[in-house]
C-alpha atoms as a PDB file:
ATOM      1  CA  MET A   1     -74.526 -19.398 104.071  1.00  0.00           C
ATOM      2  CA  PHE A   2     -72.052 -17.241 105.788  1.00  0.00           C
ATOM      3  CA  SER A   3     -69.208 -19.468 104.912  1.00  0.00           C
ATOM      4  CA  GLU A   4     -70.027 -19.438 101.218  1.00  0.00           C
ATOM      5  CA  ALA A   5     -70.180 -15.622 101.116  1.00  0.00           C
ATOM      6  CA  HIS A   6     -66.947 -15.450 102.987  1.00  0.00           C
ATOM      7  CA  GLN A   7     -65.270 -17.745 100.558  1.00  0.00           C
ATOM      8  CA  TRP A   8     -66.554 -15.716  97.573  1.00  0.00           C
ATOM      9  CA  ARG A   9     -65.261 -12.476  99.074  1.00  0.00           C
ATOM     10  CA  ALA A  10     -61.905 -14.000  99.753  1.00  0.00           C
ATOM     11  CA  ALA A  11     -61.662 -15.235  96.180  1.00  0.00           C
ATOM     12  CA  VAL A  12     -62.560 -11.814  94.786  1.00  0.00           C
ATOM     13  CA  THR A  13     -60.056 -10.190  97.083  1.00  0.00           C
ATOM     14  CA  SER A  14     -57.276 -12.572  96.084  1.00  0.00           C
ATOM     15  CA  GLY A  15     -58.115 -12.135  92.414  1.00  0.00           C
ATOM     16  CA  GLY A  16     -57.887  -8.362  92.724  1.00  0.00           C
ATOM     17  CA  VAL A  17     -54.500  -8.663  94.324  1.00  0.00           C
ATOM     18  CA  LEU A  18     -53.259 -10.840  91.461  1.00  0.00           C
ATOM     19  CA  LEU A  19     -54.692  -8.399  88.929  1.00  0.00           C
ATOM     20  CA  CYS A  20     -52.886  -5.495  90.605  1.00  0.00           C
ATOM     21  CA  VAL A  21     -49.607  -7.389  90.657  1.00  0.00           C
ATOM     22  CA  ALA A  22     -49.906  -8.193  86.954  1.00  0.00           C
ATOM     23  CA  THR A  23     -50.676  -4.553  86.106  1.00  0.00           C
ATOM     24  CA  LEU A  24     -47.650  -3.318  88.036  1.00  0.00           C
ATOM     25  CA  ALA A  25     -45.403  -5.831  86.266  1.00  0.00           C
ATOM     26  CA  VAL A  26     -46.532  -4.690  82.814  1.00  0.00           C
ATOM     27  CA  GLY A  27     -46.011  -1.033  83.729  1.00  0.00           C
ATOM     28  CA  TRP A  28     -42.523  -1.775  84.992  1.00  0.00           C
ATOM     29  CA  ARG A  29     -41.507  -3.386  81.706  1.00  0.00           C
ATOM     30  CA  VAL A  30     -42.891  -0.445  79.738  1.00  0.00           C
ATOM     31  CA  ARG A  31     -41.070   2.165  81.825  1.00  0.00           C
ATOM     32  CA  PHE A  32     -37.850   0.211  82.148  1.00  0.00           C
ATOM     33  CA  PRO A  33     -37.325  -1.962  79.037  1.00  0.00           C
ATOM     34  CA  ALA A  34     -34.739  -4.709  79.162  1.00  0.00           C
ATOM     35  CA  PRO A  35     -31.226  -3.650  78.003  1.00  0.00           C
ATOM     36  CA  PRO A  36     -30.355  -4.732  74.427  1.00  0.00           C
ATOM     37  CA  ALA A  37     -28.068  -7.702  73.915  1.00  0.00           C
ATOM     38  CA  PRO A  38     -24.410  -6.699  73.213  1.00  0.00           C
ATOM     39  CA  ALA A  39     -23.568  -6.592  69.469  1.00  0.00           C
ATOM     40  CA  PRO A  40     -20.761  -8.850  68.249  1.00  0.00           C
ATOM     41  CA  ALA A  41     -17.368  -7.168  67.840  1.00  0.00           C
ATOM     42  CA  SER A  42     -16.519  -5.757  64.409  1.00  0.00           C
ATOM     43  CA  GLY A  43     -14.642  -8.252  62.244  1.00  0.00           C
ATOM     44  CA  SER A  44     -15.553 -11.131  64.539  1.00  0.00           C
ATOM     45  CA  LEU A  45     -15.501 -14.523  62.860  1.00  0.00           C
ATOM     46  CA  ALA A  46     -18.760 -15.326  64.654  1.00  0.00           C
ATOM     47  CA  SER A  47     -20.595 -12.496  62.848  1.00  0.00           C
ATOM     48  CA  HIS A  48     -19.174 -13.428  59.406  1.00  0.00           C
ATOM     49  CA  PRO A  49     -18.109 -17.010  59.572  1.00  0.00           C
ATOM     50  CA  SER A  50     -17.586 -17.286  55.782  1.00  0.00           C
ATOM     51  CA  GLU A  51     -15.397 -14.163  55.331  1.00  0.00           C
ATOM     52  CA  THR A  52     -11.633 -14.089  56.051  1.00  0.00           C
ATOM     53  CA  PRO A  53      -9.395 -11.016  55.564  1.00  0.00           C
ATOM     54  CA  ARG A  54      -7.232 -11.166  52.434  1.00  0.00           C
ATOM     55  CA  PRO A  55      -4.078  -9.129  51.790  1.00  0.00           C
ATOM     56  CA  ALA A  56      -4.276  -6.612  48.944  1.00  0.00           C
ATOM     57  CA  ALA A  57      -2.704  -7.809  45.701  1.00  0.00           C
ATOM     58  CA  PRO A  58       0.568  -6.003  44.873  1.00  0.00           C
ATOM     59  CA  GLU A  59       0.357  -3.487  42.039  1.00  0.00           C
ATOM     60  CA  ALA A  60       2.029  -4.361  38.748  1.00  0.00           C
ATOM     61  CA  PRO A  61       4.530  -1.922  37.199  1.00  0.00           C
ATOM     62  CA  ARG A  62       2.985   0.720  34.961  1.00  0.00           C
ATOM     63  CA  ALA A  63       4.266   1.866  31.556  1.00  0.00           C
ATOM     64  CA  ASP A  64       3.688   5.527  30.703  1.00  0.00           C
ATOM     65  CA  VAL A  65       5.701   5.482  27.450  1.00  0.00           C
ATOM     66  CA  VAL A  66       6.101   2.562  25.014  1.00  0.00           C
ATOM     67  CA  ARG A  67       7.779   3.536  21.741  1.00  0.00           C
ATOM     68  CA  VAL A  68       8.782   1.080  19.013  1.00  0.00           C
ATOM     69  CA  LEU A  69      10.649   2.284  15.925  1.00  0.00           C
ATOM     70  CA  PRO A  70      10.565   0.492  12.552  1.00  0.00           C
ATOM     71  CA  ASN A  71      14.220  -0.478  12.887  1.00  0.00           C
ATOM     72  CA  GLY A  72      13.559  -2.379  16.161  1.00  0.00           C
ATOM     73  CA  ASP A  73      14.657   0.235  18.708  1.00  0.00           C
ATOM     74  CA  VAL A  74      12.387   0.280  21.800  1.00  0.00           C
ATOM     75  CA  VAL A  75      11.932   2.809  24.614  1.00  0.00           C
ATOM     76  CA  VAL A  76       9.839   1.968  27.716  1.00  0.00           C
ATOM     77  CA  ALA A  77       9.349   4.345  30.667  1.00  0.00           C
ATOM     78  CA  GLY A  78       6.975   4.118  33.608  1.00  0.00           C
ATOM     79  CA  ARG A  79       6.571   3.678  37.366  1.00  0.00           C
ATOM     80  CA  ALA A  80       6.826   0.852  39.868  1.00  0.00           C
ATOM     81  CA  ALA A  81       7.250   0.519  43.611  1.00  0.00           C
ATOM     82  CA  PRO A  82      10.165   2.700  44.801  1.00  0.00           C
ATOM     83  CA  GLY A  83      13.407   0.768  44.541  1.00  0.00           C
ATOM     84  CA  ALA A  84      11.768  -2.208  42.797  1.00  0.00           C
ATOM     85  CA  ARG A  85      13.611  -4.350  40.271  1.00  0.00           C
ATOM     86  CA  VAL A  86      11.770  -4.075  36.937  1.00  0.00           C
ATOM     87  CA  ALA A  87      12.260  -6.442  33.983  1.00  0.00           C
ATOM     88  CA  LEU A  88      11.084  -5.988  30.376  1.00  0.00           C
ATOM     89  CA  LEU A  89      10.018  -9.254  28.767  1.00  0.00           C
ATOM     90  CA  ASP A  90       9.638 -10.223  25.121  1.00  0.00           C
ATOM     91  CA  ASP A  91       7.573 -13.415  24.840  1.00  0.00           C
ATOM     92  CA  ASP A  92       8.519 -14.209  28.481  1.00  0.00           C
ATOM     93  CA  ARG A  93      12.210 -13.718  27.680  1.00  0.00           C
ATOM     94  CA  THR A  94      14.005 -11.022  29.684  1.00  0.00           C
ATOM     95  CA  LEU A  95      15.305  -8.245  27.465  1.00  0.00           C
ATOM     96  CA  ILE A  96      16.616  -5.834  30.094  1.00  0.00           C
ATOM     97  CA  GLU A  97      16.342  -5.110  33.818  1.00  0.00           C
ATOM     98  CA  ALA A  98      16.409  -1.802  35.685  1.00  0.00           C
ATOM     99  CA  GLN A  99      15.851  -0.523  39.208  1.00  0.00           C
ATOM    100  CA  SER A 100      13.184   2.094  39.760  1.00  0.00           C
ATOM    101  CA  ASP A 101      14.001   5.335  41.525  1.00  0.00           C
ATOM    102  CA  PRO A 102      14.056   4.790  45.318  1.00  0.00           C
ATOM    103  CA  LYS A 103      11.902   7.894  45.860  1.00  0.00           C
ATOM    104  CA  THR A 104       9.604   8.259  42.859  1.00  0.00           C
ATOM    105  CA  GLY A 105       9.584   4.711  41.448  1.00  0.00           C
ATOM    106  CA  GLU A 106      10.277   5.986  37.920  1.00  0.00           C
ATOM    107  CA  PHE A 107      12.299   3.900  35.456  1.00  0.00           C
ATOM    108  CA  VAL A 108      13.466   4.078  31.819  1.00  0.00           C
ATOM    109  CA  MET A 109      14.519   1.095  29.671  1.00  0.00           C
ATOM    110  CA  LEU A 110      16.422   1.027  26.361  1.00  0.00           C
ATOM    111  CA  PRO A 111      16.726  -2.660  25.436  1.00  0.00           C
ATOM    112  CA  PRO A 112      18.903  -3.946  22.570  1.00  0.00           C
ATOM    113  CA  ARG A 113      17.482  -3.546  19.076  1.00  0.00           C
ATOM    114  CA  LEU A 114      14.859  -6.192  18.368  1.00  0.00           C
ATOM    115  CA  PRO A 115      15.184  -8.438  15.320  1.00  0.00           C
ATOM    116  CA  ALA A 116      12.545  -8.878  12.627  1.00  0.00           C
ATOM    117  CA  GLY A 117       9.481 -10.898  13.634  1.00  0.00           C
ATOM    118  CA  VAL A 118       6.548 -10.808  16.071  1.00  0.00           C
ATOM    119  CA  HIS A 119       7.159  -9.479  19.593  1.00  0.00           C
ATOM    120  CA  ARG A 120       5.012  -9.276  22.749  1.00  0.00           C
ATOM    121  CA  LEU A 121       6.265  -6.962  25.480  1.00  0.00           C
ATOM    122  CA  ALA A 122       5.388  -7.176  29.172  1.00  0.00           C
ATOM    123  CA  LEU A 123       6.664  -5.786  32.478  1.00  0.00           C
ATOM    124  CA  ILE A 124       7.253  -7.581  35.774  1.00  0.00           C
ATOM    125  CA  ALA A 125       8.726  -6.214  38.989  1.00  0.00           C
ATOM    126  CA  GLU A 126      10.147  -7.491  42.242  1.00  0.00           C
ATOM    127  CA  SER A 127       9.960  -5.344  45.366  1.00  0.00           C
ATOM    128  CA  ALA A 128      13.126  -4.024  46.954  1.00  0.00           C
ATOM    129  CA  ALA A 129      12.540  -6.319  49.954  1.00  0.00           C
ATOM    130  CA  GLY A 130      12.397  -9.390  47.697  1.00  0.00           C
ATOM    131  CA  GLY A 131       9.733 -12.037  47.968  1.00  0.00           C
ATOM    132  CA  GLY A 132       9.144 -12.749  44.293  1.00  0.00           C
ATOM    133  CA  PRO A 133       7.435 -10.791  41.498  1.00  0.00           C
ATOM    134  CA  THR A 134       4.879  -8.199  42.572  1.00  0.00           C
ATOM    135  CA  GLY A 135       2.849  -8.314  39.373  1.00  0.00           C
ATOM    136  CA  ARG A 136       2.872  -8.463  35.586  1.00  0.00           C
ATOM    137  CA  ARG A 137       1.514  -6.012  33.031  1.00  0.00           C
ATOM    138  CA  ASP A 138       1.217  -6.849  29.318  1.00  0.00           C
ATOM    139  CA  LEU A 139       2.149  -3.859  27.144  1.00  0.00           C
ATOM    140  CA  THR A 140       1.831  -4.381  23.387  1.00  0.00           C
ATOM    141  CA  ALA A 141       2.274  -6.819  20.530  1.00  0.00           C
ATOM    142  CA  PHE A 142       3.803  -5.828  17.200  1.00  0.00           C
ATOM    143  CA  SER A 143       5.892  -7.122  14.317  1.00  0.00           C
ATOM    144  CA  ILE A 144       9.070  -5.804  12.708  1.00  0.00           C
ATOM    145  CA  ALA A 145       9.463  -6.272   8.970  1.00  0.00           C
ATOM    146  CA  PRO A 146      12.700  -7.825   7.708  1.00  0.00           C
ATOM    147  CA  LYS A 147      15.153  -5.599   5.947  1.00  0.00           C
ATOM    148  CA  THR A 148      15.025  -5.724   2.163  1.00  0.00           C
ATOM    149  CA  ALA A 149      18.284  -5.617   0.236  1.00  0.00           C
ATOM    150  CA  ARG A 150      18.528  -2.658  -2.058  1.00  0.00           C
ATOM    151  CA  PRO A 151      19.328  -3.454  -5.691  1.00  0.00           C
ATOM    152  CA  PRO A 152      22.775  -2.294  -6.773  1.00  0.00           C
ATOM    153  CA  GLN A 153      22.614   1.047  -8.402  1.00  0.00           C
ATOM    154  CA  ALA A 154      24.237   1.405 -11.805  1.00  0.00           C
ATOM    155  CA  ALA A 155      26.967   3.961 -12.047  1.00  0.00           C
ATOM    156  CA  LEU A 156      25.507   7.036 -13.593  1.00  0.00           C
ATOM    157  CA  ALA A 157      27.473   9.034 -16.070  1.00  0.00           C
ATOM    158  CA  PRO A 158      28.079  12.544 -14.800  1.00  0.00           C
ATOM    159  CA  SER A 159      25.900  15.159 -16.356  1.00  0.00           C
ATOM    160  CA  PRO A 160      27.521  17.637 -18.688  1.00  0.00           C
ATOM    161  CA  ALA A 161      27.027  20.383 -16.123  1.00  0.00           C
ATOM    162  CA  ALA A 162      29.102  18.420 -13.574  1.00  0.00           C
ATOM    163  CA  ILE A 163      32.108  18.069 -15.886  1.00  0.00           C
ATOM    164  CA  PRO A 164      34.435  21.009 -15.462  1.00  0.00           C
ATOM    165  CA  ALA A 165      35.193  22.813 -18.688  1.00  0.00           C
ATOM    166  CA  VAL A 166      38.784  22.332 -19.761  1.00  0.00           C
ATOM    167  CA  PRO A 167      39.947  25.353 -21.666  1.00  0.00           C
ATOM    168  CA  VAL A 168      41.418  24.647 -25.076  1.00  0.00           C
ATOM    169  CA  GLN A 169      44.954  25.945 -25.405  1.00  0.00           C
ATOM    170  CA  GLU A 170      45.708  27.975 -28.483  1.00  0.00           C
ATOM    171  CA  SER A 171      48.980  27.739 -30.314  1.00  0.00           C
ATOM    172  CA  ARG A 172      50.826  29.937 -32.763  1.00  0.00           C
ATOM    173  CA  ARG A 173      53.465  28.907 -35.251  1.00  0.00           C
ATOM    174  CA  VAL A 174      56.356  31.336 -35.427  1.00  0.00           C
ATOM    175  CA  ALA A 175      56.745  33.004 -38.827  1.00  0.00           C
ATOM    176  CA  ARG A 176      59.800  34.713 -40.229  1.00  0.00           C
ATOM    177  CA  GLY A 177      60.230  38.109 -38.569  1.00  0.00           C
ATOM    178  CA  ASP A 178      58.028  37.279 -35.526  1.00  0.00           C
ATOM    179  CA  THR A 179      59.016  38.301 -32.025  1.00  0.00           C
ATOM    180  CA  LEU A 180      57.404  37.469 -28.716  1.00  0.00           C
ATOM    181  CA  TRP A 181      56.424  41.119 -28.433  1.00  0.00           C
ATOM    182  CA  ARG A 182      54.614  41.033 -31.771  1.00  0.00           C
ATOM    183  CA  ILE A 183      52.931  37.721 -31.041  1.00  0.00           C
ATOM    184  CA  SER A 184      51.819  39.009 -27.599  1.00  0.00           C
ATOM    185  CA  ARG A 185      50.412  42.182 -29.123  1.00  0.00           C
ATOM    186  CA  GLU A 186      48.509  40.283 -31.835  1.00  0.00           C
ATOM    187  CA  THR A 187      47.144  37.517 -29.606  1.00  0.00           C
ATOM    188  CA  LEU A 188      46.905  39.057 -26.135  1.00  0.00           C
ATOM    189  CA  GLY A 189      46.278  42.669 -27.066  1.00  0.00           C
ATOM    190  CA  ARG A 190      49.470  44.063 -25.569  1.00  0.00           C
ATOM    191  CA  GLY A 191      53.110  43.438 -26.382  1.00  0.00           C
ATOM    192  CA  ALA A 192      54.027  43.803 -22.702  1.00  0.00           C
ATOM    193  CA  PHE A 193      52.454  40.374 -22.082  1.00  0.00           C
ATOM    194  CA  TYR A 194      55.245  38.647 -24.023  1.00  0.00           C
ATOM    195  CA  ASP A 195      56.694  37.315 -20.750  1.00  0.00           C
ATOM    196  CA  SER A 196      53.563  35.211 -20.180  1.00  0.00           C
ATOM    197  CA  ILE A 197      54.150  33.567 -23.585  1.00  0.00           C
ATOM    198  CA  PHE A 198      57.748  32.952 -22.595  1.00  0.00           C
ATOM    199  CA  GLN A 199      56.712  31.346 -19.280  1.00  0.00           C
ATOM    200  CA  SER A 200      54.156  29.116 -21.033  1.00  0.00           C
ATOM    201  CA  ASN A 201      56.865  27.853 -23.393  1.00  0.00           C
ATOM    202  CA  SER A 202      59.808  27.682 -21.015  1.00  0.00           C
ATOM    203  CA  GLY A 203      60.564  24.177 -22.243  1.00  0.00           C
ATOM    204  CA  LYS A 204      60.995  25.404 -25.808  1.00  0.00           C
ATOM    205  CA  ILE A 205      62.408  28.893 -25.432  1.00  0.00           C
ATOM    206  CA  ARG A 206      65.550  29.546 -23.448  1.00  0.00           C
ATOM    207  CA  ASP A 207      65.868  33.217 -24.394  1.00  0.00           C
ATOM    208  CA  PRO A 208      62.777  35.389 -25.060  1.00  0.00           C
ATOM    209  CA  ASN A 209      64.757  37.237 -27.725  1.00  0.00           C
ATOM    210  CA  LEU A 210      65.567  34.087 -29.667  1.00  0.00           C
ATOM    211  CA  ILE A 211      62.671  32.352 -31.390  1.00  0.00           C
ATOM    212  CA  TYR A 212      62.866  30.520 -34.676  1.00  0.00           C
ATOM    213  CA  PRO A 213      60.474  30.213 -37.597  1.00  0.00           C
ATOM    214  CA  GLY A 214      58.437  27.034 -37.494  1.00  0.00           C
ATOM    215  CA  GLN A 215      58.296  26.799 -33.678  1.00  0.00           C
ATOM    216  CA  SER A 216      54.835  26.081 -32.274  1.00  0.00           C
ATOM    217  CA  LEU A 217      54.210  28.230 -29.217  1.00  0.00           C
ATOM    218  CA  ILE A 218      51.466  27.754 -26.661  1.00  0.00           C
ATOM    219  CA  LEU A 219      49.527  30.918 -26.025  1.00  0.00           C
ATOM    220  CA  PRO A 220      48.344  31.643 -22.476  1.00  0.00           C
ATOM    221  CA  HIS A 221      44.638  32.162 -21.795  1.00  0.00           C
ATOM    222  CA  ARG A 222      43.299  35.651 -21.870  1.00  0.00           C
ATOM    223  CA  ASP A 223      41.836  36.813 -18.545  1.00  0.00           C
END
């Protein structure tokens, strides 16, 4: 009897000790939680096994001005990487090359005049350090009409207003008793103008005092 009671007491006592130990263990975990596991380093291949860093694609040259005239003249201006070699293409055929400004990257192109037909312009550039083209940018597509021959213009007769008026010279036939003084007074209003009649007929009259009937004299124009 005594032994059974003793065994029961011992069992209860040992069970209480186990219960106390379990309670203390739970309280310890609550007060002092386990430290978190270290996070993987940023960019680690283990955290993102399917992602690999890729270099940024180089920027293509940019056109700020594209001007095409009906006669085929073209002006292209824009920006690229500083010091880059820029080429203007027409249907993948190089029209002209230029180097952009080493500081600002600006460039201006004036290619040769384009012929009639369909054209497709694009820009490509190569960096100053080399390594191939850095990018391509398509600009515009257009067509230039062929030149039409103008029909020959017929020679136009000048209008009457464009023809200068040619004054008609008057003449006077010398009568018996006429003198240059008299003829000048009757035709020019004053006899003192006889010398002008003499000068107008210098091939016919050698002496202003000697004129003969029947001579035809040219009279000067009246001012």
